[in-house]
């Protein structure tokens, strides 16, 4: 009940962030969500280090902190909106043509943008339905056949922990890039400049792949030490680490595709085409379910992650082809493929560096050593990737470094 008003504030925050992004202002929309973590951490500190409280009062304080974070996030957007000349007033004219257009486009946009999350949801449901439960039978009957459950207890929890690792680069890289380029896509389309839209899309994809491919490779190579560092404690045993690391490996193989999808779908939305991403997305959900029900018999829960990654790869290939046909303009396929080959080569060098560094690290005993087994290979591998990209004269390297230096 305390947190219910948070829905209102966070929806207004999202609206304000969309307006600011459309006006080319990205700093405050990117920064303000951090206030949720700040308020949450402050509340946790108050609960644990402050005066004695009953369990009910502790929950109330945490809920109040989240509500307060919503108010703070909205308050941070308002001055910037006013500075940019955006009038802030209540207007209940629901019959306005723009409101009707947004209402018409809203549902397909939500579905189109949520395909990866929908596939993850299907992974979880299948993990629950096809896992042996404690105290329950180890097999089930289907069409008169007795079939052993392909997954063991904890499959859904394994997926949950693995998702925490691959979702971070997806939100930081894919969502950030897609949000930044959407206004530019829209302006090009509004002017009828299909060549400009195609050029912007090609550049955005090259940059996304330049950061997404090494992110995929790094997490794949270091999946086990990452899981060991973040989760191994209490009931999370060595066997749990191995199971989760395998799922992380397959989920991470598709990070570059998850990120690229965000950009491609935004390009369709900029052209006010919400039908195509939904149609392709629905077919990919069906394909994901079919692959899930195939892979779980020999890869168990890791097969669910592999199916999600492959679905994203198929989806990005189909959307790219449809977008080329729709724009009637070249999307710089040769430049994109050339850049991707260079990025993959640099990523392969990084993978070798990460693997060799990990081999020379001591056994994972103690928090310090476990942390070093993650961050030392990342640092050395990252340096090798940058050096390799520079030697290969990858154009996207200078773009990324220039953007980073401006922050």
Foldseek 3Di string as FASTA:
>chain_A
DLQVCLVVLVVLLVVLQLVCLLVLHHDLNVPLVVLLVVLQVVLVCCCPVNDDDDPVVSVVSNSNSNSVSSVSSNVSSVVVCVVVPNDDDDDDPCVPPVNVLCVVQVPLLVLLLCLLVVLLVLLLVVLVVLEDDPPDDQWDDDPRDTGGRLHYPCLNVLSVVLCVLLVVCLCVQQVSLQSNCLSVLLVCVVVVNLVSNLASLLLSLLLLLLVLVLQLLLCLLCLLLVCCLPPPDDPCHSVNSVLSSLLNNLLSNQSSLSSSSSNLCSSCVSNVNSPVSNVLSVVLSVQLSVQLVVQCNPSNSSSSSNSSSVSSVVSSVVSVVVSCVVSVYDNPPVVSVVSNVLSVVLSVQLSVQLNVVLVPQDDPDDNVSSVCNRVVSVVRSVVSSLVSCVVVVRVSSVVVVVVVVVD
